[in-house]
Amino acid sequence: MGFDDEIEIFIKDYVKDLHEGTASIFAGAGLSIPAGFVNWSDLMEEFARALGLDIKMESDFVSLAQFYINENRNRTKINRKIIEEFTEDTEETENHRIIARLPVSSIWTTNYDELIEKTFLKQGKVTDTKHNIKQLLCNKPKRDVVIYKMHGDVSDPSDAIISKEQYESYHQTHEPFINALTGELITKTFLFIGFSFTDPNLDYVLSRLNFRFREEKRLHYCIVKRHVLGDGLNPDQASLDYNTKKHSLIINDLKRYGIKTLLVNDYQEITAILHEIESRYKKRTIFISGSAEVYDPYTRSDAVNFIHDMSKQLIKENFRLINGFGWGVGSSIINGALEAIYSNPLKYSELQLVLRPFPQFRTESEELSELWEEYRNKMISLSGISLFVFGNKNENNEIIKAKGVIREFEISAVLGNIIIPIACTGYASEIIYNTIIDSIHKYYSNPLEAKSAKSYLEQLADCNTPLKAKVPILINFIKTLTK
């Protein structure tokens, strides 16, 4: 889908922050509610009733929690309610899954539930959750992401931040969290997601944001749904006019904290934006599939030099390469990539080269073929572009197409990767080219992109031009796809 200019600029900048390791996410209640967890109104309804109040007439739920504690001199029922409502076995949303796939090193949240942590674990990532001060003092080894739960966790409901008194003393009781958040707000770009201007936590979160740097604040972003006539908050035109006006005033006030608001018409657009961020990020990572026992119709020297130069130039264009060390191809990819990296280690990084040699022995629980299938899926899922070169092997003294390369094409297509076969190298690459060229719109959905892709793929299939001449063609093609 198309996005307006402000969202386009945000996506471009946020993807850059992801590549630089300076992107973070702050998740509010709106991220968990679609998964089946309660909102603040539902959480506090029972306690409002006990106080003789109508929950529909209340908006300050933090004060409501305080009133209940004042009246009962304990919060046992509130603790039990937190456990009941936030330990349900719910399924994560697509937004959770996308966030867990993004290479963010930290997540901040005011939510009590454990859905974020569980989603990261499903993605095979090591999480280091911090929901009390003691946990800030030690770090989990080999962690992939730190999850800061600044208002507590369902596993320890008695310490969950919920009452007005707790919020008022937070700067003293949880000063290390404030300091950690302040540091990240200075060094990272935050995307606030799942917050609404009726969320009681938002004002408290903003009060802890870094306001000490005034004119030198880092720019952060918040995605918010526009008010629409007929939704729950806007039953008539008068309500819509009032809420829209208040909306604009609050959006302007957020600028004091360095937060730019991005408006969407419905919540599905948030998922679309997150998908686009993931897609554009992954397009900077290229999976190179190939194997070669022979290099016909080229000499071995020409073929090896081509793969070497191709990898070298892709690194210099700041792409990341993933390779499974294919026979006859992997060494050239490594050599080309490392030559570029070591030529300017201050500009290029070894992190741009990801090598995943295939396992050679079965495990106690899995056959080798099953391991390879799982391995291929994991490798390809890290990328957004799949590049295919040669693709042949020796079987019983006969040169045949490499079935593994064909399988990697099939997986790439299912995962939605951009498919680029260098068909002039023949074998599996040529078969892949013939498969997609006549149904190009199936693999390149954008009509203009499909037309351009067809032209580039035909140039890469032309055996009448030298193999080394394919490198600039390939680089220009990929740059048009990722600009």
Protein backbone atom coordinates (compact mmCIF):
# COMPACT_ATOMS: atom_id res chain seq x y z
CA MET A 1 0.00 0.00 0.00
CA GLY A 2 1.05 3.61 -0.50
CA PHE A 3 1.97 5.84 2.42
CA ASP A 4 1.89 9.60 2.77
CA ASP A 5 5.13 11.57 2.69
CA GLU A 6 5.55 11.80 6.46
CA ILE A 7 5.23 8.05 6.93
CA GLU A 8 7.54 7.39 3.96
CA ILE A 9 10.21 9.60 5.53
CA PHE A 10 9.76 7.87 8.88
CA ILE A 11 10.08 4.38 7.35
CA LYS A 12 13.24 5.36 5.50
CA ASP A 13 14.84 6.90 8.59
CA TYR A 14 13.76 4.09 10.93
CA VAL A 15 15.14 1.41 8.61
CA LYS A 16 18.44 3.30 8.61
CA ASP A 17 18.36 3.29 12.43
CA LEU A 18 17.73 -0.46 12.39
CA HIS A 19 20.80 -1.00 10.24
CA GLU A 20 22.86 1.20 12.56
CA GLY A 21 21.58 -0.57 15.68
CA THR A 22 19.97 2.57 17.08
CA ALA A 23 16.26 1.70 16.85
CA SER A 24 14.01 0.84 19.77
CA ILE A 25 10.28 0.34 20.41
CA PHE A 26 8.09 1.51 23.27
CA ALA A 27 4.97 -0.65 23.51
CA GLY A 28 1.76 0.46 25.17
CA ALA A 29 -1.45 -1.34 26.06
CA GLY A 30 -2.75 -1.04 22.51
CA LEU A 31 -0.21 -3.63 21.38
CA SER A 32 -1.61 -6.30 23.72
CA ILE A 33 -5.34 -5.52 23.59
CA PRO A 34 -5.86 -7.04 20.08
CA ALA A 35 -4.32 -10.26 21.42
CA GLY A 36 -7.17 -10.56 23.92
CA PHE A 37 -5.89 -8.76 26.98
CA VAL A 38 -8.09 -6.24 28.78
CA ASN A 39 -7.87 -2.47 28.48
CA TRP A 40 -7.67 -0.21 31.52
CA SER A 41 -11.42 0.30 31.65
CA ASP A 42 -12.12 -3.44 31.78
CA LEU A 43 -9.34 -4.01 34.31
CA MET A 44 -10.73 -1.42 36.72
CA GLU A 45 -14.47 -1.99 36.21
CA GLU A 46 -14.82 -4.32 39.21
CA PHE A 47 -13.07 -1.84 41.51
CA ALA A 48 -15.10 1.12 40.29
CA ARG A 49 -18.27 -0.83 41.07
CA ALA A 50 -16.98 -1.60 44.58
CA LEU A 51 -16.47 2.13 45.11
CA GLY A 52 -19.96 2.94 43.86
CA LEU A 53 -18.62 4.58 40.69
CA ASP A 54 -19.58 4.15 37.04
CA ILE A 55 -16.55 3.04 35.01
CA LYS A 56 -18.07 4.64 31.90
CA MET A 57 -17.76 8.04 33.54
CA GLU A 58 -14.14 7.53 34.63
CA SER A 59 -10.98 8.26 32.67
CA ASP A 60 -8.35 8.57 35.42
CA PHE A 61 -7.90 4.87 36.16
CA VAL A 62 -4.67 5.41 38.08
CA SER A 63 -6.54 7.53 40.63
CA LEU A 64 -9.33 4.96 40.65
CA ALA A 65 -6.84 2.26 41.68
CA GLN A 66 -5.57 4.56 44.42
CA PHE A 67 -9.10 5.19 45.69
CA TYR A 68 -9.72 1.45 45.96
CA ILE A 69 -6.47 0.90 47.88
CA ASN A 70 -7.29 3.81 50.19
CA GLU A 71 -10.69 2.34 51.00
CA ASN A 72 -9.48 -1.22 51.55
CA ARG A 73 -6.01 -0.57 52.96
CA ASN A 74 -4.54 -3.28 50.72
CA ARG A 75 -4.29 -4.23 47.06
CA THR A 76 -4.68 -8.00 47.26
CA LYS A 77 -7.71 -8.07 44.93
CA ILE A 78 -5.93 -5.82 42.44
CA ASN A 79 -2.95 -8.19 42.43
CA ARG A 80 -5.25 -11.14 41.85
CA LYS A 81 -7.02 -9.30 39.03
CA ILE A 82 -3.69 -8.62 37.32
CA ILE A 83 -2.82 -12.31 37.51
CA GLU A 84 -6.25 -13.37 36.20
CA GLU A 85 -6.26 -10.96 33.27
CA PHE A 86 -2.64 -11.10 32.14
CA THR A 87 -1.77 -14.78 32.39
CA GLU A 88 -4.21 -15.97 29.74
CA ASP A 89 -2.81 -18.27 27.07
CA THR A 90 -3.32 -15.85 24.19
CA GLU A 91 -1.84 -15.86 20.71
CA GLU A 92 0.49 -13.06 19.71
CA THR A 93 -0.61 -10.65 16.97
CA GLU A 94 1.10 -10.06 13.64
CA ASN A 95 2.47 -6.81 15.09
CA HIS A 96 4.16 -8.81 17.87
CA ARG A 97 5.66 -11.19 15.31
CA ILE A 98 7.04 -8.43 13.10
CA ILE A 99 8.54 -6.58 16.08
CA ALA A 100 10.19 -9.81 17.25
CA ARG A 101 11.77 -10.30 13.81
CA LEU A 102 13.22 -6.78 13.72
CA PRO A 103 16.83 -6.37 14.92
CA VAL A 104 15.98 -4.08 17.83
CA SER A 105 18.27 -4.47 20.83
CA SER A 106 15.76 -3.15 23.36
CA ILE A 107 12.01 -2.98 23.93
CA TRP A 108 10.38 -0.74 26.53
CA THR A 109 6.85 -1.41 27.69
CA THR A 110 4.32 -0.44 30.35
CA ASN A 111 2.44 -3.72 29.83
CA TYR A 112 2.30 -6.43 32.49
CA ASP A 113 1.75 -9.39 30.15
CA GLU A 114 4.51 -11.65 28.82
CA LEU A 115 3.43 -11.74 25.19
CA ILE A 116 6.40 -9.74 23.88
CA GLU A 117 8.93 -12.02 25.58
CA LYS A 118 7.17 -15.17 24.37
CA THR A 119 7.09 -13.90 20.79
CA PHE A 120 10.82 -13.17 20.79
CA LEU A 121 11.47 -16.65 22.16
CA LYS A 122 9.42 -18.18 19.33
CA GLN A 123 11.74 -16.37 16.94
CA GLY A 124 14.69 -18.11 18.58
CA LYS A 125 15.97 -14.97 20.28
CA VAL A 126 17.40 -14.78 23.79
CA THR A 127 15.50 -12.24 25.88
CA ASP A 128 16.75 -10.45 28.98
CA THR A 129 13.69 -9.15 30.82
CA LYS A 130 14.03 -6.39 33.41
CA HIS A 131 10.97 -5.68 35.56
CA ASN A 132 12.67 -4.78 38.83
CA ILE A 133 15.79 -2.85 39.85
CA LYS A 134 17.79 -5.93 40.88
CA GLN A 135 17.48 -7.30 37.35
CA LEU A 136 19.16 -4.17 35.99
CA LEU A 137 22.33 -5.13 37.86
CA CYS A 138 23.08 -8.30 35.88
CA ASN A 139 22.76 -9.25 32.24
CA LYS A 140 21.84 -12.55 30.62
CA PRO A 141 24.66 -13.99 28.47
CA LYS A 142 24.22 -14.00 24.69
CA ARG A 143 21.06 -11.94 24.88
CA ASP A 144 19.51 -10.69 21.66
CA VAL A 145 17.10 -8.16 23.15
CA VAL A 146 16.54 -6.45 26.49
CA ILE A 147 12.89 -6.02 27.47
CA TYR A 148 12.39 -3.25 30.01
CA LYS A 149 9.04 -3.64 31.77
CA MET A 150 9.08 -0.38 33.66
CA HIS A 151 5.69 -0.87 35.30
CA GLY A 152 6.29 -4.44 36.40
CA ASP A 153 5.33 -7.93 35.35
CA VAL A 154 2.41 -10.28 35.90
CA SER A 155 4.79 -12.71 37.63
CA ASP A 156 5.16 -10.20 40.48
CA PRO A 157 1.78 -8.40 40.68
CA SER A 158 2.38 -6.92 44.13
CA ASP A 159 5.09 -4.68 42.64
CA ALA A 160 3.17 -3.74 39.49
CA ILE A 161 2.88 0.04 39.10
CA ILE A 162 -0.83 0.80 39.09
CA SER A 163 -1.77 3.31 41.80
CA LYS A 164 -1.37 7.07 41.86
CA GLU A 165 0.96 6.91 44.85
CA GLN A 166 3.28 4.53 42.98
CA TYR A 167 3.38 6.83 39.96
CA GLU A 168 4.08 9.86 42.14
CA SER A 169 7.05 8.17 43.83
CA TYR A 170 8.32 6.38 40.72
CA HIS A 171 11.20 8.83 40.24
CA GLN A 172 12.55 7.71 43.62
CA THR A 173 11.59 4.03 43.75
CA HIS A 174 12.56 3.30 40.14
CA GLU A 175 15.24 5.89 39.41
CA PRO A 176 17.52 3.35 37.63
CA PHE A 177 14.75 2.67 35.10
CA ILE A 178 14.37 6.41 34.48
CA ASN A 179 18.12 6.77 34.00
CA ALA A 180 18.25 3.82 31.62
CA LEU A 181 15.30 5.16 29.63
CA THR A 182 16.82 8.63 29.49
CA GLY A 183 20.07 7.19 28.16
CA GLU A 184 18.30 5.26 25.42
CA LEU A 185 16.18 8.25 24.45
CA ILE A 186 19.41 10.15 23.85
CA THR A 187 21.11 7.44 21.78
CA LYS A 188 18.23 5.64 20.03
CA THR A 189 15.20 6.41 17.88
CA PHE A 190 12.00 5.21 19.55
CA LEU A 191 8.79 4.15 17.89
CA PHE A 192 5.88 4.47 20.34
CA ILE A 193 3.25 1.94 19.37
CA GLY A 194 0.04 0.88 21.08
CA PHE A 195 -0.47 4.19 22.84
CA SER A 196 -3.59 6.29 22.58
CA PHE A 197 -4.34 9.68 24.03
CA THR A 198 -6.79 8.03 26.41
CA ASP A 199 -4.15 5.64 27.77
CA PRO A 200 -3.61 6.63 31.42
CA ASN A 201 0.03 5.60 31.21
CA LEU A 202 0.97 7.98 28.44
CA ASP A 203 1.18 11.12 30.56
CA TYR A 204 3.29 9.29 33.12
CA VAL A 205 5.62 7.95 30.45
CA LEU A 206 6.02 11.38 28.89
CA SER A 207 6.78 12.90 32.27
CA ARG A 208 9.86 10.69 32.42
CA LEU A 209 11.08 11.45 28.92
CA ASN A 210 14.24 13.37 28.40
CA PHE A 211 13.23 17.04 28.52
CA ARG A 212 16.52 18.30 29.87
CA PHE A 213 18.09 18.71 26.45
CA ARG A 214 15.38 21.00 25.11
CA GLU A 215 16.46 21.98 21.59
CA GLU A 216 18.86 19.06 21.12
CA LYS A 217 16.44 16.18 21.58
CA ARG A 218 16.56 13.12 19.35
CA LEU A 219 13.49 12.70 17.13
CA HIS A 220 11.10 9.90 18.11
CA TYR A 221 7.84 8.73 16.54
CA CYS A 222 4.36 7.74 17.68
CA ILE A 223 1.73 6.09 15.45
CA VAL A 224 -1.81 7.14 16.34
CA LYS A 225 -5.22 6.50 14.76
CA ARG A 226 -7.23 9.49 13.59
CA HIS A 227 -10.64 10.14 15.12
CA VAL A 228 -13.38 8.90 12.82
CA LEU A 229 -17.09 9.67 12.90
CA GLY A 230 -19.04 6.70 14.22
CA ASP A 231 -16.31 5.01 16.25
CA GLY A 232 -16.62 4.48 20.00
CA LEU A 233 -15.37 7.95 20.93
CA ASN A 234 -17.13 9.87 18.16
CA PRO A 235 -20.83 8.93 17.92
CA ASP A 236 -21.74 12.32 16.42
CA GLN A 237 -20.19 15.27 14.59
CA ALA A 238 -19.92 17.39 17.73
CA SER A 239 -17.87 14.69 19.48
CA LEU A 240 -15.69 14.28 16.41
CA ASP A 241 -14.99 18.01 16.17
CA TYR A 242 -14.16 18.23 19.88
CA ASN A 243 -11.90 15.16 19.94
CA THR A 244 -10.15 16.13 16.71
CA LYS A 245 -9.36 19.56 18.14
CA LYS A 246 -8.06 18.07 21.38
CA HIS A 247 -6.12 15.52 19.34
CA SER A 248 -4.28 18.27 17.46
CA LEU A 249 -3.39 20.07 20.69
CA ILE A 250 -1.95 16.90 22.25
CA ILE A 251 -0.02 16.08 19.06
CA ASN A 252 1.50 19.53 19.16
CA ASP A 253 2.33 19.07 22.86
CA LEU A 254 4.18 15.82 22.09
CA LYS A 255 6.68 17.88 20.10
CA ARG A 256 8.00 19.21 23.42
CA TYR A 257 9.35 15.73 24.04
CA GLY A 258 10.76 15.30 20.56
CA ILE A 259 7.93 12.98 19.48
CA LYS A 260 6.50 13.30 15.99
CA THR A 261 3.02 11.84 15.55
CA LEU A 262 2.16 9.80 12.47
CA LEU A 263 -1.60 9.57 11.84
CA VAL A 264 -3.28 6.51 10.32
CA ASN A 265 -6.91 5.96 9.37
CA ASP A 266 -7.23 2.49 10.92
CA TYR A 267 -5.19 0.08 13.00
CA GLN A 268 -4.47 -2.19 10.02
CA GLU A 269 -2.23 0.55 8.66
CA ILE A 270 0.08 0.10 11.66
CA THR A 271 0.63 -3.52 10.65
CA ALA A 272 1.23 -2.40 7.05
CA ILE A 273 3.83 0.13 8.22
CA LEU A 274 5.61 -2.49 10.33
CA HIS A 275 5.57 -4.91 7.38
CA GLU A 276 7.10 -2.25 5.15
CA ILE A 277 9.82 -1.51 7.72
CA GLU A 278 10.67 -5.21 7.90
CA SER A 279 10.60 -5.61 4.12
CA ARG A 280 12.87 -2.64 3.47
CA TYR A 281 15.27 -3.69 6.20
CA LYS A 282 15.53 -7.23 4.85
CA LYS A 283 16.12 -5.97 1.30
CA ARG A 284 19.55 -4.85 2.47
CA THR A 285 20.35 -8.51 3.19
CA ILE A 286 21.00 -10.79 0.23
CA PHE A 287 20.96 -14.57 0.37
CA ILE A 288 23.29 -16.00 -2.28
CA SER A 289 22.35 -19.49 -3.38
CA GLY A 290 24.50 -21.57 -5.69
CA SER A 291 26.80 -24.50 -6.20
CA ALA A 292 29.12 -25.43 -9.03
CA GLU A 293 30.95 -28.58 -9.95
CA VAL A 294 31.48 -27.12 -13.42
CA TYR A 295 31.23 -23.53 -14.69
CA ASP A 296 30.07 -24.07 -18.28
CA PRO A 297 29.75 -22.12 -20.49
CA TYR A 298 32.47 -20.07 -18.73
CA THR A 299 35.97 -20.88 -17.60
CA ARG A 300 36.52 -21.54 -13.93
CA SER A 301 38.65 -18.40 -13.71
CA ASP A 302 35.96 -16.16 -15.22
CA ALA A 303 33.25 -17.65 -12.99
CA VAL A 304 35.26 -17.40 -9.78
CA ASN A 305 36.29 -13.81 -10.55
CA PHE A 306 32.68 -12.88 -11.30
CA ILE A 307 31.39 -14.25 -7.98
CA HIS A 308 34.31 -12.59 -6.16
CA ASP A 309 33.68 -9.18 -7.78
CA MET A 310 29.92 -9.46 -7.28
CA SER A 311 30.31 -10.09 -3.55
CA LYS A 312 32.92 -7.37 -3.20
CA GLN A 313 30.71 -4.75 -4.85
CA LEU A 314 27.64 -5.74 -2.84
CA ILE A 315 29.59 -5.21 0.39
CA LYS A 316 30.78 -1.83 -0.88
CA GLU A 317 27.15 -0.89 -1.52
CA ASN A 318 26.52 -1.66 2.19
CA PHE A 319 24.53 -4.82 1.67
CA ARG A 320 24.78 -7.80 4.00
CA LEU A 321 25.45 -11.23 2.47
CA ILE A 322 24.24 -14.62 3.70
CA ASN A 323 25.67 -17.81 2.27
CA GLY A 324 25.56 -21.49 3.11
CA PHE A 325 29.05 -22.10 1.71
CA GLY A 326 27.83 -23.76 -1.51
CA TRP A 327 30.30 -26.04 -3.25
CA GLY A 328 32.42 -24.19 -5.81
CA VAL A 329 30.77 -20.86 -4.99
CA GLY A 330 31.08 -20.17 -1.25
CA SER A 331 34.85 -19.54 -1.18
CA SER A 332 34.60 -16.87 -3.87
CA ILE A 333 31.77 -15.13 -2.02
CA ILE A 334 33.81 -15.09 1.18
CA ASN A 335 36.99 -13.86 -0.52
CA GLY A 336 35.21 -11.07 -2.36
CA ALA A 337 33.33 -9.92 0.71
CA LEU A 338 36.39 -9.98 2.97
CA GLU A 339 38.49 -8.09 0.44
CA ALA A 340 35.96 -5.25 0.54
CA ILE A 341 35.65 -5.36 4.33
CA TYR A 342 39.41 -5.37 5.02
CA SER A 343 40.05 -2.67 2.43
CA ASN A 344 38.19 -0.21 4.64
CA PRO A 345 37.33 -1.72 8.06
CA LEU A 346 36.14 1.64 9.35
CA LYS A 347 33.46 1.77 6.66
CA TYR A 348 32.57 -1.90 6.20
CA SER A 349 32.03 -4.56 8.85
CA GLU A 350 32.47 -8.31 9.19
CA LEU A 351 28.83 -8.28 10.33
CA GLN A 352 27.98 -7.77 6.64
CA LEU A 353 29.01 -11.37 5.95
CA VAL A 354 26.94 -14.15 7.51
CA LEU A 355 28.14 -17.70 6.85
CA ARG A 356 25.95 -20.69 7.65
CA PRO A 357 27.69 -23.89 6.49
CA PHE A 358 25.24 -26.76 6.26
CA PRO A 359 25.38 -29.46 8.97
CA GLN A 360 26.90 -32.71 7.71
CA PHE A 361 25.58 -35.22 10.25
CA ARG A 362 22.12 -36.07 11.51
CA THR A 363 21.15 -35.49 15.14
CA GLU A 364 19.47 -37.93 17.48
CA SER A 365 16.06 -36.45 16.68
CA GLU A 366 16.34 -35.26 13.07
CA GLU A 367 17.48 -36.71 9.77
CA LEU A 368 20.00 -34.72 7.74
CA SER A 369 17.37 -33.80 5.15
CA GLU A 370 15.15 -32.36 7.88
CA LEU A 371 18.06 -30.37 9.31
CA TRP A 372 18.84 -28.94 5.88
CA GLU A 373 15.23 -27.91 5.32
CA GLU A 374 15.10 -26.15 8.67
CA TYR A 375 18.49 -24.58 8.04
CA ARG A 376 17.48 -23.23 4.64
CA ASN A 377 14.31 -21.70 6.02
CA LYS A 378 16.18 -19.92 8.80
CA MET A 379 18.87 -18.56 6.49
CA ILE A 380 16.51 -17.31 3.83
CA SER A 381 14.13 -15.77 6.38
CA LEU A 382 16.91 -13.35 7.37
CA SER A 383 17.06 -11.88 3.87
CA GLY A 384 14.83 -9.95 1.50
CA ILE A 385 16.59 -10.77 -1.77
CA SER A 386 17.60 -14.21 -3.00
CA LEU A 387 20.31 -14.32 -5.64
CA PHE A 388 20.93 -17.52 -7.64
CA VAL A 389 24.12 -18.42 -9.48
CA PHE A 390 24.96 -21.67 -11.35
CA GLY A 391 23.37 -24.52 -9.37
CA ASN A 392 24.83 -27.81 -10.51
CA LYS A 393 26.40 -30.84 -8.85
CA ASN A 394 28.08 -34.14 -9.66
CA GLU A 395 25.90 -37.16 -9.04
CA ASN A 396 27.20 -40.56 -10.15
CA ASN A 397 29.66 -38.87 -12.53
CA GLU A 398 26.85 -36.91 -14.15
CA ILE A 399 26.43 -33.12 -13.91
CA ILE A 400 22.86 -32.33 -12.93
CA LYS A 401 20.92 -29.38 -11.55
CA ALA A 402 21.30 -28.87 -7.81
CA LYS A 403 17.99 -29.73 -6.18
CA GLY A 404 19.02 -27.81 -3.07
CA VAL A 405 19.27 -24.58 -5.07
CA ILE A 406 15.82 -25.20 -6.56
CA ARG A 407 14.48 -25.80 -3.06
CA GLU A 408 16.01 -22.51 -1.90
CA PHE A 409 14.17 -20.78 -4.73
CA GLU A 410 10.89 -22.35 -3.64
CA ILE A 411 11.41 -21.28 -0.02
CA SER A 412 12.41 -17.77 -1.12
CA ALA A 413 9.23 -17.44 -3.16
CA VAL A 414 7.04 -18.58 -0.25
CA LEU A 415 8.75 -16.09 2.08
CA GLY A 416 8.19 -13.28 -0.43
CA ASN A 417 11.83 -12.61 -1.24
CA ILE A 418 12.83 -10.82 -4.41
CA ILE A 419 14.15 -13.49 -6.78
CA ILE A 420 17.20 -12.72 -8.95
CA PRO A 421 18.57 -15.63 -11.00
CA ILE A 422 21.73 -14.99 -13.02
CA ALA A 423 20.46 -17.22 -15.79
CA CYS A 424 23.55 -17.00 -18.00
CA THR A 425 25.29 -19.27 -15.47
CA GLY A 426 22.88 -22.05 -16.44
CA TYR A 427 21.60 -25.10 -14.59
CA ALA A 428 19.32 -24.33 -11.61
CA SER A 429 19.68 -20.57 -12.15
CA GLU A 430 18.43 -20.90 -15.72
CA ILE A 431 15.53 -23.10 -14.63
CA ILE A 432 14.53 -20.49 -12.01
CA TYR A 433 14.75 -17.75 -14.65
CA ASN A 434 12.48 -19.67 -17.03
CA THR A 435 10.03 -20.27 -14.18
CA ILE A 436 9.59 -16.61 -13.28
CA ILE A 437 10.17 -14.67 -16.50
CA ASP A 438 6.81 -15.55 -18.07
CA SER A 439 4.92 -14.85 -14.85
CA ILE A 440 7.01 -11.91 -13.69
CA HIS A 441 4.06 -10.16 -12.03
CA LYS A 442 3.72 -13.10 -9.64
CA TYR A 443 7.21 -12.38 -8.29
CA TYR A 444 7.27 -8.59 -8.79
CA SER A 445 3.81 -7.32 -7.91
CA ASN A 446 4.46 -3.65 -8.69
CA PRO A 447 3.83 -3.16 -12.46
CA LEU A 448 6.66 -0.67 -12.94
CA GLU A 449 9.02 -2.79 -10.87
CA ALA A 450 8.02 -5.89 -12.86
CA LYS A 451 8.78 -4.19 -16.17
CA SER A 452 12.18 -3.04 -14.96
CA ALA A 453 12.93 -6.44 -13.40
CA LYS A 454 12.14 -8.25 -16.65
CA SER A 455 14.63 -6.07 -18.51
CA TYR A 456 17.38 -6.59 -15.93
CA LEU A 457 16.78 -10.34 -15.68
CA GLU A 458 16.97 -10.66 -19.47
CA GLN A 459 20.31 -8.83 -19.44
CA LEU A 460 21.57 -11.20 -16.75
CA ALA A 461 20.43 -14.14 -18.91
CA ASP A 462 22.28 -12.95 -22.03
CA CYS A 463 25.21 -15.31 -22.70
CA ASN A 464 26.58 -13.09 -25.47
CA THR A 465 28.05 -10.52 -23.08
CA PRO A 466 31.08 -11.24 -20.87
CA LEU A 467 30.34 -12.55 -17.39
CA LYS A 468 32.24 -9.69 -15.74
CA ALA A 469 29.89 -7.22 -17.47
CA LYS A 470 27.03 -8.66 -15.43
CA VAL A 471 28.34 -7.19 -12.15
CA PRO A 472 27.36 -3.54 -12.80
CA ILE A 473 24.03 -4.70 -14.27
CA LEU A 474 23.30 -6.71 -11.13
CA ILE A 475 24.35 -3.88 -8.81
CA ASN A 476 22.17 -1.35 -10.64
CA PHE A 477 19.23 -3.77 -10.56
CA ILE A 478 19.49 -4.30 -6.82
CA LYS A 479 19.91 -0.59 -6.16
CA THR A 480 16.69 0.16 -8.05
CA LEU A 481 14.88 -2.37 -5.83
CA THR A 482 16.19 -0.90 -2.58
CA LYS A 483 16.24 2.84 -3.18
